[in-house]
Protein backbone atom coordinates (compact mmCIF):
# COMPACT_ATOMS: atom_id res chain seq x y z
CA LEU A 1 108.68 120.82 203.19
CA ARG A 2 109.45 122.32 206.58
CA GLY A 3 106.40 124.32 207.63
CA LYS A 4 103.96 122.19 205.62
CA ILE A 5 101.61 119.54 206.92
CA VAL A 6 102.51 116.45 204.87
CA VAL A 7 100.45 113.40 204.01
CA LEU A 8 102.35 110.44 202.57
CA ASP A 9 99.98 108.25 200.54
CA PHE A 10 101.40 104.73 200.17
CA TRP A 11 99.64 103.16 197.20
CA THR A 12 100.05 100.88 194.23
CA SER A 13 98.48 101.47 190.84
CA CYS A 14 96.72 98.07 190.72
CA CYS A 15 94.82 98.62 193.99
CA ILE A 16 91.26 99.87 193.62
CA ASN A 17 91.08 100.79 197.32
CA CYS A 18 94.04 103.10 196.70
CA MET A 19 92.08 104.76 193.90
CA HIS A 20 89.12 105.30 196.22
CA VAL A 21 91.36 107.25 198.62
CA LEU A 22 92.30 109.77 195.92
CA SER A 23 88.94 111.54 196.13
CA ASP A 24 89.38 112.10 199.89
CA LEU A 25 92.92 113.36 199.33
CA LYS A 26 91.64 115.80 196.71
CA ARG A 27 89.08 117.10 199.21
CA LEU A 28 91.86 117.66 201.76
CA GLU A 29 94.05 119.41 199.17
CA ASP A 30 91.16 121.70 198.23
CA ARG A 31 90.40 122.44 201.89
CA TYR A 32 94.01 123.21 202.83
CA PRO A 33 95.60 124.42 199.55
CA ALA A 34 98.39 126.44 201.20
CA GLU A 35 99.03 124.40 204.33
CA LEU A 36 99.00 120.80 203.07
CA ALA A 37 101.43 118.89 200.83
CA VAL A 38 100.39 115.43 199.65
CA ILE A 39 103.11 113.12 198.38
CA GLY A 40 102.22 109.82 196.76
CA VAL A 41 104.59 106.96 197.52
CA HIS A 42 104.04 104.31 194.89
CA SER A 43 105.16 101.01 196.43
CA PRO A 44 104.47 98.42 193.73
CA LYS A 45 103.15 94.89 193.97
CA TYR A 46 103.78 93.76 190.39
CA ALA A 47 107.04 93.76 188.45
CA ALA A 48 105.51 95.92 185.71
CA GLU A 49 104.54 98.58 188.24
CA ARG A 50 108.20 99.11 189.17
CA GLU A 51 108.90 100.90 185.90
CA THR A 52 108.71 104.70 186.04
CA ALA A 53 107.16 104.74 182.55
CA THR A 54 104.30 102.57 183.79
CA LEU A 55 103.87 104.67 186.93
CA ARG A 56 103.78 107.85 184.87
CA GLN A 57 100.88 106.49 182.85
CA ALA A 58 99.03 105.53 186.03
CA VAL A 59 99.53 109.04 187.46
CA LEU A 60 98.18 110.62 184.27
CA ARG A 61 95.32 108.13 184.01
CA GLN A 62 94.18 108.82 187.56
CA GLY A 63 94.54 112.60 187.21
CA ILE A 64 96.89 112.81 190.20
CA GLY A 65 98.12 116.37 190.66
CA HIS A 66 100.57 115.96 193.54
CA PRO A 67 104.17 114.65 193.44
CA VAL A 68 104.68 110.88 193.35
CA VAL A 69 107.77 108.96 194.43
CA ASN A 70 108.57 105.72 192.62
CA ASP A 71 109.37 103.54 195.63
CA ARG A 72 110.24 100.68 193.26
CA ASP A 73 112.29 98.68 195.79
CA LEU A 74 109.95 99.39 198.76
CA ALA A 75 112.66 101.37 200.56
CA VAL A 76 110.30 104.08 201.82
CA TRP A 77 107.62 101.46 202.55
CA ASN A 78 110.01 99.55 204.83
CA LEU A 79 111.38 102.73 206.43
CA TYR A 80 107.90 103.65 207.65
CA GLY A 81 106.84 100.06 208.44
CA ILE A 82 103.77 100.20 206.21
CA PRO A 83 101.42 97.21 206.67
CA ALA A 84 99.05 97.45 203.69
CA TRP A 85 97.79 99.41 200.65
CA PRO A 86 96.59 102.08 201.03
CA THR A 87 98.22 103.54 204.13
CA LEU A 88 98.43 107.27 204.81
CA VAL A 89 101.00 108.83 207.13
CA LEU A 90 100.50 112.31 208.62
CA ILE A 91 103.59 114.42 209.36
CA ASP A 92 103.43 117.78 211.14
CA PRO A 93 105.29 120.96 210.01
CA LEU A 94 108.16 120.13 212.39
CA GLY A 95 108.77 116.82 210.63
CA LYS A 96 107.27 114.58 213.30
CA VAL A 97 105.01 111.65 212.40
CA VAL A 98 101.60 112.27 213.96
CA GLY A 99 100.03 108.96 212.99
CA ALA A 100 99.06 106.56 210.20
CA LEU A 101 95.80 105.11 208.92
CA SER A 102 95.22 102.17 206.57
CA GLY A 103 92.12 101.74 204.44
CA GLU A 104 89.52 104.00 202.86
CA ALA A 105 87.26 106.83 204.11
CA ILE A 106 90.08 108.87 205.64
CA PHE A 107 88.76 112.40 205.11
CA GLU A 108 87.06 113.02 208.47
CA THR A 109 89.97 111.67 210.54
CA PHE A 110 92.64 113.60 208.66
CA ASP A 111 90.54 116.76 208.49
CA ARG A 112 90.23 116.73 212.29
CA LEU A 113 93.95 116.08 212.85
CA ILE A 114 95.04 118.76 210.39
CA GLY A 115 92.72 121.21 212.11
CA GLU A 116 94.29 120.38 215.48
CA ILE A 117 97.82 120.81 214.09
CA LEU A 118 96.95 124.20 212.63
CA ALA A 119 95.32 125.32 215.87
CA ALA A 120 98.48 124.40 217.83
CA LEU A 121 101.25 125.57 215.48
CA ASP A 122 99.80 128.42 213.42
CA PRO A 123 99.81 130.92 216.35
CA GLN A 124 103.53 130.15 216.73
CA GLY A 125 104.22 131.10 213.09
CA LEU A 126 105.26 127.56 212.21
CA ILE A 127 103.03 127.17 209.11
CA ASP A 128 104.57 128.00 205.74
CA ARG A 129 101.88 128.91 203.21
CA ARG A 130 104.14 129.66 200.27
CA PRO A 131 103.23 127.60 197.18
CA LEU A 132 105.41 124.64 196.23
CA PRO A 133 107.18 124.87 192.83
CA LEU A 134 105.34 122.02 191.09
CA ARG A 135 105.05 121.62 187.33
CA GLY A 136 102.38 119.50 185.68
CA GLU A 137 102.19 118.08 182.17
CA PRO A 138 100.15 119.57 179.33
CA PRO A 139 96.94 117.68 178.48
CA SER A 140 97.02 115.09 175.72
CA ASP A 141 95.40 115.89 172.38
CA SER A 142 94.83 112.23 171.52
CA PHE A 143 91.32 111.47 170.23
CA LEU A 144 91.14 108.54 172.66
CA LEU A 145 92.65 108.77 176.14
CA PHE A 146 93.36 105.62 178.15
CA PRO A 147 90.44 103.58 176.71
CA GLY A 148 89.47 100.91 179.25
CA LYS A 149 87.08 98.57 177.42
CA VAL A 150 85.65 97.85 173.98
CA LEU A 151 82.52 96.02 172.81
CA ALA A 152 82.15 94.84 169.22
CA ASP A 153 78.66 94.11 167.85
CA PRO A 154 78.82 92.56 164.36
CA GLN A 155 75.02 92.78 163.89
CA SER A 156 74.91 96.60 164.05
CA PRO A 157 77.80 96.69 162.96
CA ARG A 158 79.27 98.93 165.68
CA LEU A 159 82.22 99.15 168.01
CA PHE A 160 81.60 100.75 171.40
CA ILE A 161 84.71 102.23 173.02
CA ALA A 162 84.91 103.29 176.65
CA ASP A 163 87.06 106.40 176.18
CA SER A 164 87.75 106.37 179.90
CA GLY A 165 90.20 109.26 180.11
CA HIS A 166 87.73 111.53 178.30
CA HIS A 167 84.77 110.24 180.37
CA ARG A 168 82.68 109.30 177.36
CA ILE A 169 81.60 106.47 175.07
CA VAL A 170 82.67 106.56 171.42
CA VAL A 171 80.60 104.58 168.91
CA HIS A 172 82.47 103.61 165.74
CA ASP A 173 80.96 102.08 162.60
CA LEU A 174 82.75 98.77 162.00
CA SER A 175 82.00 99.04 158.29
CA GLY A 176 83.83 102.35 158.11
CA ARG A 177 81.01 104.02 156.17
CA THR A 178 80.22 106.73 158.74
CA GLY A 179 82.00 108.74 161.38
CA GLU A 180 81.94 108.40 165.14
CA GLU A 181 79.10 109.13 167.55
CA ILE A 182 79.92 110.50 171.00
CA ILE A 183 77.95 109.66 174.15
CA GLY A 184 78.83 111.98 177.02
CA GLY A 185 80.08 115.52 177.25
CA GLY A 186 83.80 114.82 177.60
CA ASP A 187 84.34 116.14 181.13
CA ALA A 188 83.73 114.11 184.28
CA GLY A 189 80.35 114.27 185.99
CA PHE A 190 77.20 112.35 186.85
CA ARG A 191 74.24 113.49 184.80
CA ASP A 192 71.51 111.82 182.75
CA GLY A 193 69.99 113.26 179.58
CA LEU A 194 70.66 113.53 175.88
CA PHE A 195 73.98 112.20 174.58
CA ALA A 196 75.63 115.63 174.53
CA ASP A 197 74.38 116.53 178.02
CA ALA A 198 75.09 113.25 179.82
CA ARG A 199 78.20 112.90 181.98
CA PHE A 200 80.24 109.85 183.02
CA ARG A 201 83.27 109.43 185.27
CA ASN A 202 85.84 106.88 184.11
CA PRO A 203 83.43 104.55 182.23
CA GLN A 204 84.68 101.00 181.71
CA GLY A 205 82.87 97.79 180.66
CA MET A 206 79.74 97.66 178.49
CA ALA A 207 77.03 95.17 177.52
CA LEU A 208 74.25 95.21 174.93
CA ASP A 209 70.66 94.18 175.52
CA GLY A 210 68.50 95.01 172.52
CA ARG A 211 68.39 98.78 171.97
CA PHE A 212 70.12 99.45 175.28
CA LEU A 213 73.82 99.73 175.96
CA TYR A 214 74.67 99.29 179.63
CA VAL A 215 77.83 101.02 180.88
CA ALA A 216 79.84 100.42 184.05
CA ASP A 217 80.32 104.03 185.14
CA THR A 218 83.11 103.04 187.48
CA ASP A 219 84.04 106.17 189.40
CA ASN A 220 80.38 107.16 189.73
CA HIS A 221 79.72 103.70 191.20
CA ALA A 222 76.77 103.31 188.85
CA ILE A 223 75.36 101.39 185.91
CA ARG A 224 74.14 103.67 183.15
CA ARG A 225 71.60 102.70 180.48
CA VAL A 226 72.10 104.19 177.03
CA ASP A 227 69.06 104.20 174.73
CA LEU A 228 70.71 103.89 171.33
CA GLU A 229 67.48 104.74 169.52
CA GLY A 230 66.24 107.54 171.75
CA LYS A 231 69.78 108.99 172.12
CA THR A 232 69.49 109.37 175.90
CA VAL A 233 71.38 108.22 178.99
CA ALA A 234 69.71 107.18 182.26
CA THR A 235 70.96 105.69 185.52
CA ALA A 236 69.93 102.04 185.84
CA ALA A 237 71.63 101.29 189.17
CA GLY A 238 73.71 103.08 191.76
CA THR A 239 73.38 106.46 193.45
CA GLY A 240 76.61 108.13 192.35
CA ARG A 241 78.23 107.41 195.72
CA GLN A 242 80.37 104.47 196.76
CA ALA A 243 78.61 101.81 198.82
CA ARG A 244 79.93 101.71 202.38
CA MET A 245 77.86 98.70 203.45
CA PHE A 246 78.19 95.19 202.03
CA ASN A 247 75.73 92.75 200.47
CA ILE A 248 72.86 95.24 200.32
CA SER A 249 70.42 94.25 197.56
CA GLY A 250 67.65 96.48 196.32
CA PRO A 251 66.06 98.49 193.52
CA GLY A 252 68.70 99.67 191.08
CA GLY A 253 68.23 103.41 191.43
CA ARG A 254 68.33 103.35 195.24
CA THR A 255 71.12 100.82 195.86
CA PRO A 256 74.74 102.04 196.16
CA LEU A 257 77.41 100.11 194.24
CA ASN A 258 81.17 99.82 194.64
CA SER A 259 83.29 100.41 191.54
CA PRO A 260 81.57 98.26 188.90
CA TRP A 261 84.25 97.54 186.29
CA ASP A 262 82.79 95.28 183.61
CA LEU A 263 79.43 93.91 182.43
CA ALA A 264 78.01 90.87 180.64
CA ALA A 265 74.37 90.37 179.60
CA ARG A 266 72.78 86.90 179.66
CA ASP A 267 69.16 85.65 179.79
CA GLY A 268 67.63 88.88 181.08
CA PHE A 269 70.35 89.49 183.67
CA LEU A 270 73.28 91.86 183.70
CA TYR A 271 76.30 90.33 185.45
CA ILE A 272 78.60 92.89 187.05
CA ALA A 273 82.27 92.57 187.94
CA MET A 274 82.04 94.62 191.15
CA ALA A 275 85.74 95.26 191.60
CA GLY A 276 85.46 97.44 194.72
CA ALA A 277 83.49 94.80 196.64
CA HIS A 278 85.46 91.80 195.31
CA GLN A 279 82.22 90.24 194.12
CA ILE A 280 80.12 89.36 191.10
CA TRP A 281 76.70 91.01 191.18
CA LYS A 282 73.70 90.67 188.92
CA MET A 283 70.87 92.93 187.87
CA ASP A 284 67.45 91.63 186.91
CA LEU A 285 66.79 93.86 183.91
CA ALA A 286 63.01 93.33 183.95
CA LYS A 287 62.68 94.20 187.66
CA SER A 288 65.61 96.67 187.83
CA TYR A 289 66.86 94.88 190.95
CA VAL A 290 70.53 94.42 191.90
CA SER A 291 72.01 91.83 194.24
CA PRO A 292 75.26 89.94 194.95
CA HIS A 293 75.64 86.73 192.96
CA ALA A 294 79.04 85.39 194.00
CA GLY A 295 81.76 86.32 196.44
CA ALA A 296 81.95 86.80 200.20
CA VAL A 297 83.36 90.37 200.11
CA GLU A 298 86.80 89.53 201.54
CA GLU A 299 89.65 89.80 199.06
CA GLY A 300 91.24 86.47 198.15
CA ARG A 301 91.01 83.49 195.85
CA ARG A 302 88.82 80.66 197.10
CA ASP A 303 86.66 78.28 195.09
CA GLY A 304 83.41 76.70 196.22
CA PRO A 305 79.72 77.62 196.55
CA LEU A 306 78.89 81.00 195.03
CA ARG A 307 78.51 83.04 198.20
CA GLU A 308 81.45 81.37 199.98
CA ALA A 309 83.95 81.90 197.18
CA LEU A 310 86.46 84.76 197.27
CA PHE A 311 87.50 87.11 194.47
CA ALA A 312 90.18 89.76 194.29
CA GLN A 313 89.16 92.85 192.36
CA PRO A 314 87.35 91.17 189.45
CA SER A 315 87.69 93.55 186.50
CA GLY A 316 86.70 91.61 183.40
CA ILE A 317 83.62 89.46 182.74
CA ALA A 318 82.21 87.47 179.83
CA ALA A 319 79.26 85.12 179.41
CA ASN A 320 78.25 82.28 177.14
CA GLY A 321 75.46 79.72 177.32
CA LYS A 322 77.01 77.76 180.17
CA ARG A 323 79.08 79.90 182.52
CA ILE A 324 80.25 83.34 183.46
CA TYR A 325 83.99 83.93 183.04
CA VAL A 326 85.93 86.41 185.15
CA ALA A 327 89.34 88.03 184.90
CA ASP A 328 90.12 88.14 188.62
CA SER A 329 92.77 90.81 188.43
CA GLU A 330 94.44 90.91 191.84
CA SER A 331 94.69 87.11 192.06
CA SER A 332 96.00 87.08 188.47
CA SER A 333 93.66 84.23 187.65
CA ILE A 334 90.71 83.30 185.44
CA ARG A 335 87.60 82.10 187.23
CA GLY A 336 84.44 80.30 186.12
CA VAL A 337 81.12 81.19 187.77
CA ASP A 338 77.86 79.27 187.46
CA PRO A 339 74.83 81.46 186.66
CA ASP A 340 72.55 79.13 188.67
CA PRO A 341 72.15 80.39 192.27
CA GLY A 342 73.02 76.92 193.57
CA GLY A 343 76.25 76.77 191.55
CA THR A 344 79.91 77.14 192.32
CA VAL A 345 83.02 79.15 191.49
CA SER A 346 86.16 77.45 190.16
CA THR A 347 89.61 78.61 189.08
CA LEU A 348 90.35 77.78 185.46
CA ALA A 349 93.90 79.10 185.22
CA GLY A 350 96.42 81.16 187.14
CA GLY A 351 97.61 81.45 190.70
CA ASP A 352 96.69 83.37 193.85
CA LEU A 353 97.16 86.85 195.30
CA PHE A 354 100.95 86.77 195.03
CA ASP A 355 101.30 83.99 192.43
CA PHE A 356 101.79 86.06 189.32
CA GLY A 357 104.20 85.96 186.40
CA ASP A 358 104.37 85.43 182.66
CA ALA A 359 103.96 81.78 181.64
CA ASP A 360 101.81 79.63 179.41
CA GLY A 361 100.72 76.25 180.67
CA GLU A 362 97.86 74.12 181.86
CA GLY A 363 95.50 75.37 184.56
CA SER A 364 97.29 76.37 187.75
CA ALA A 365 100.69 76.27 186.00
CA ALA A 366 99.82 79.31 183.87
CA ARG A 367 100.77 82.74 185.13
CA PHE A 368 99.23 86.12 184.42
CA GLN A 369 100.01 89.59 185.72
CA HIS A 370 96.88 91.56 186.66
CA PRO A 371 94.60 90.66 183.71
CA LEU A 372 91.80 93.19 183.20
CA GLY A 373 89.91 91.99 180.11
CA ILE A 374 88.27 88.77 178.92
CA ALA A 375 86.14 87.66 175.96
CA GLU A 376 84.72 84.29 174.85
CA LEU A 377 84.54 83.03 171.27
CA ASP A 378 83.77 79.45 170.18
CA GLY A 379 85.07 77.75 173.31
CA THR A 380 88.15 79.93 173.71
CA LEU A 381 88.71 82.71 176.22
CA PHE A 382 90.81 85.64 175.05
CA ILE A 383 92.48 87.44 177.94
CA ALA A 384 94.01 90.90 178.11
CA ASP A 385 97.00 90.05 180.30
CA THR A 386 97.48 93.68 181.17
CA TYR A 387 100.82 94.01 182.96
CA ASN A 388 102.44 91.37 180.75
CA ALA A 389 101.29 93.39 177.71
CA ARG A 390 100.09 90.17 176.06
CA ILE A 391 96.89 88.66 174.70
CA ARG A 392 96.46 85.12 176.03
CA ARG A 393 94.16 82.27 174.95
CA LEU A 394 92.56 79.76 177.28
CA ALA A 395 91.10 76.71 175.51
CA LEU A 396 88.18 75.73 177.73
CA ALA A 397 88.08 72.10 176.61
CA GLU A 398 91.76 71.45 177.33
CA GLY A 399 92.33 74.01 180.08
CA THR A 400 95.58 75.20 178.50
CA VAL A 401 96.83 78.78 178.25
CA THR A 402 98.91 79.97 175.28
CA THR A 403 100.11 83.38 174.12
CA LEU A 404 98.35 84.72 171.04
CA CYS A 405 100.41 87.89 170.62
CA GLY A 406 102.19 90.70 172.39
CA GLY A 407 105.24 91.01 174.62
CA PRO A 408 107.73 90.55 175.93
CA GLY A 409 107.59 94.06 177.28
CA ALA A 410 105.39 96.99 176.42
CA GLY A 411 105.45 99.16 173.30
CA PHE A 412 103.58 99.97 170.11
CA ARG A 413 103.97 97.90 166.96
CA ASP A 414 101.55 96.50 164.41
CA GLY A 415 101.99 93.47 162.14
CA ALA A 416 102.82 89.84 162.80
CA ASP A 417 104.82 90.57 165.96
CA PRO A 418 102.82 93.30 167.69
CA LEU A 419 103.46 95.15 170.92
CA PHE A 420 100.84 96.54 173.32
CA ASP A 421 101.02 98.74 176.41
CA GLU A 422 98.66 97.58 179.15
CA PRO A 423 95.84 96.07 177.07
CA ALA A 424 92.82 96.42 179.35
CA GLY A 425 89.75 95.31 177.40
CA VAL A 426 89.07 92.78 174.66
CA SER A 427 86.02 91.92 172.56
CA ALA A 428 85.68 89.16 169.95
CA ALA A 429 83.49 89.37 166.86
CA ALA A 430 83.52 88.03 163.28
CA GLY A 431 86.97 86.49 163.48
CA LYS A 432 88.65 89.53 164.99
CA LEU A 433 89.73 90.72 168.40
CA TYR A 434 89.24 94.36 169.32
CA ILE A 435 91.59 95.47 172.08
CA ALA A 436 91.54 98.58 174.26
CA ASP A 437 95.30 99.28 174.32
CA ARG A 438 95.09 101.52 177.34
CA ASN A 439 98.49 103.20 177.61
CA ASN A 440 98.80 103.62 173.86
CA SER A 441 95.41 105.38 173.84
CA ALA A 442 94.42 103.24 170.88
CA VAL A 443 92.16 100.42 169.73
CA ARG A 444 94.05 97.54 168.17
CA ILE A 445 92.54 94.87 165.91
CA VAL A 446 93.89 91.31 165.69
CA ASP A 447 92.75 89.22 162.71
CA LEU A 448 92.45 85.70 164.11
CA GLY A 449 92.87 84.22 160.65
CA THR A 450 96.04 85.99 159.54
CA ARG A 451 97.36 86.74 163.06
CA LEU A 452 98.13 90.28 161.93
CA THR A 453 97.53 93.27 164.21
CA GLY A 454 96.48 96.73 163.06
CA THR A 455 95.42 99.98 164.71
CA LEU A 456 91.96 101.45 164.30
CA LYS A 457 91.98 104.85 162.62
CA ILE A 458 89.41 106.86 164.52
CA GLY A 459 88.41 110.48 164.90
CA GLY A 460 90.29 111.39 161.74
CA HIS A 461 93.59 110.84 163.56
CA GLN A 462 96.22 108.26 164.18
CA PRO A 463 96.58 107.63 167.93
CA VAL A 464 98.88 109.98 169.82
CA LEU A 465 101.21 107.66 171.68
CA SER A 466 101.82 109.01 175.15
CA SER A 467 104.23 106.43 176.55
CA PRO A 468 107.72 107.61 177.57
CA ARG A 469 108.94 104.57 175.64
CA LYS A 470 108.32 106.75 172.61
CA GLY A 471 110.70 109.44 173.85
CA LEU A 472 108.52 111.90 175.79
CA ILE A 473 109.71 113.54 178.98
CA ILE A 474 108.74 111.90 182.25
CA SER A 475 106.66 114.12 184.51
CA SER A 476 108.54 116.20 187.01
CA PHE A 477 105.98 114.97 189.53
CA ILE A 478 107.60 111.50 189.55
CA ARG A 479 110.85 110.78 191.28
CA ARG A 480 112.59 107.45 191.87
CA SER A 481 113.52 106.80 195.48
């Protein structure tokens, strides 16, 4: 890399702030295509993230086009003295470290520094503009690609699938009598209109309210409203740009949001797991008004009054008649939130920011590993314990956590002893669980009566399993340090 300006991006796949930085890095790569080399240094937090197979899936899921080092033992992290995720280190063409910056919104600073380096060294002939010999992977031909969430509606009867990697919503008839309906054009964008013309960018959680399906359009930082009768998509909240200010309420269409990840509808309100702000928001559907409901913006795990409590990247949300339930991913815990503005937040199970693991038990003795999905059915919470590749149950009356199915370890297997690969979303309906099995690019169905697991046949295809555990070649972009 002598002669190239190098940016080392220290990140971990569970960190949403790290994902926000990727758009700025892409802008820098587009601005300096011959002069700049970006290298991702994946320095993991969780045990599951240490595996190259897991990292490969994260690289593909995020559409990362530059080389990534698997810094599984934090050797590179410690060598550079990195303090936090994300941190970016700038190295000049002579191999000298120019500086480092932690946090988001790095484009302007790095653009200025790169310009100064070029102005000083280019006249001396010290810039090498020859292309690097990088080889990417061919695109997947799976009908679903990294589905993030599912929503089962037994009344319709329909299953809504956030086909996140294809930037669209797939509607499947639960009865199996008809084929699929597609909402969104299949490539990333931000556009309202008819189903075929609309564009999403990494859609995740969904909620139904009458004829409307609300979608957390995560990477567009927006809530989209799908008219299932009129066959149109409109923007209900968000501007398409990430909010840079905190706790700003306002009319939905004029108020920026920050990576909404999941939704739950209850009593005329839409509750939003606002992962990027570490908060729970709500939207008054009649007034089209959005505002924070719980969380004080800082990342952490603290119980107490709604606006004093702390969350850590809440990514799953469910509602019943009494409370709102949250999969608080980065604290690897399950939280309960009162819908009443004078209510409180409490931790129902799990640990804190670095108290994660794989254990059943009562309340704080239970351990999860970055759970992303949650659903409620008849007094039981079903939890997609993502990095443990398990589906857990939390009995609300007793406060105990048990394993329903999955694990140990990731894979793909149906039957009485199933395997999953990063289950990310779960929905419960009519005695069945529907699971977005993210890294297997599949929807799995668990019959709660028989305890048997099957795979949804959709799009006229069986799922194309993309995990290296099935024998595929690991990307040449990934190297273990």
